[in-house]
Amino acid sequence: MAGAQHITTPGIIEPPDTLLAANQPEAFSSFGAFMRSGSFQFEARTFAMGTINRGDLLDYHTLAAGGGIGYYSPKWKGLHFGVSGFFVFQIYEHNIRIADPTTGNVNRYEILLYDMNDLSNTSDLDRMEDFYLAWDRGGFSAVAGRQRIHTPMLNEQDNRMRHNSFSGLTLRYEKNGWSGLAGIYNSLTMRGTVDWYSAEESFGVYPFGRNPLGTPSEYAGNVRSRGIGVAGIRKESEFIALQIWNYTAENVFNMLQVQAEGRAGKGDVKLLYGLQGFWQKPLNNGGNPELTKAYIDPDAPGYAAGAKLGAGTEVRKLTLNTLRIHDSGRLLFPREWGREQFFVSLPRERHEGNGDVWSVMLRYEEEVSENFRYMLGAASVRNPSTDSFALNKYGVPSYYHFAGTAEYAFGGYFKGLHIMAIVANKVAARPSEVNDAERINRVDMWNFSLVGNYHF
């Protein structure tokens, strides 16, 4: 797509192209001169977010700013390394650290700009992110250490001040339109925190909902797992992209994802289509032999299937997207590990944690120029009833979801500056059946975000 390379996800620093050059130390007057041929990357980020709830329920808004620096070395015989860090400051906030007096519920969206585990910390929010050693040669790469990972389920979920990072080993290979990835990770840091957690400690860092018996889940601190494994393969051609992914949380669950997307037809306007399927199998006892402390019910596997159909050109697309999660059990994937990428996904809500879901979404997206693009989406989501504990982990009622995003990447003198706006509205499908505790920050609400990111 023309110009797509000019718009990037805010908050992601990519090592510069100059690092691909095979600089040799002997070509420089000293080792220090060789190291200076690497690249420093700087980032400044500002994030304003607000949520408006219905009636007397609390509203929230905040403004955060921060900056980071990274160094990416030149290559020597394919070897190179990267290191980066970032700090965050709270500029302003309203209500995000107090419980709603009507329901007792706490803030959901804005607090993840900061450290949800230390609500008093507004100015000392810093962490090391990239810290890796890598080797590249002939389409193969190996990266060991702290790094960013992007797959359909395990990913950066970069829509707050900072992203997820994972510590472990990643192997990649690309050749003739095929690409493969295999990785194992034993720790991670996630948005909304400054701490690093072992894989088993990461279960339950975020609010953990209810267990299948209807009582608060107790898996936080009680899941046993030695790490995360992921393997994927992708084949991409001009008209179709096929991918298969497998995710394993050792001793907890295994998830398989299969997805195909393609386009067909002659002329500028082409038929767009896609299918995706998910199958989840609990391992052993789902992390703990006691059901109330297990992450997943060992007797309730999860299944889901999605599809999309539409039409589009190189610069604009209109698609109808669907998702069905079977009623055999909840489809679960730790929200600490990434954001799901279903065909029906829209900003500010997920389908993870539920079973027996029907979702339909109409999506329009257009790249107006090589610097500006936007997306509009409208969805109907039918969740199981909020008292269906075995199928509705977080107690989210059925709702209608409307969302839009707009992104602009500056050129010329301000090249490197990227601005994105996000607006989301969710309306309860049956408002008279929803109490305030189920409503706040879930339905009958608006959420607004404005993000500025500058890389130089």
Foldseek 3Di string as FASTA:
>chain_A
DPLQVQDDDFPDDDFDPQLVDADEQVVDPHVVVQFVSWDKKKKKKKKWKWKDFPDLWDIKIWIKIKMKMKTWGHDHQQKIFMWMKMFMATPDIDQQPAATPVQRHHHDPQLLLAAPVDVVDGGGQMAIAGTWMKGDDDQKMKIAAKAFDDDQFFGQQPDHNGTKIFGWMKIWGDDDQKIKIKIKTQWMDGGNHRDIDGLQQLVCPDQFFAFQVGHGAAQRVQFDFRTKIKIKMWGDDPFKIWMWMWIDGHQAKIKIKTKMWGWDDDDFKTKTKMKMKMKMATHDQRRHVDRSNHSFHNQAIKIKMKMKIWMDGPFKTKIKIKMAIAPSFFAADRVRRGAHDGVADDPQDHRHPFHGKIKIKIKMKGDPDSFKIKMKMKMWIQGPQLSSCRGHRHSAHTKIKIKMKMKGADDDPQGQKIKMKIKMAIAHPDVVPDDPNNRPSHHNMMMIMIMIMGMD
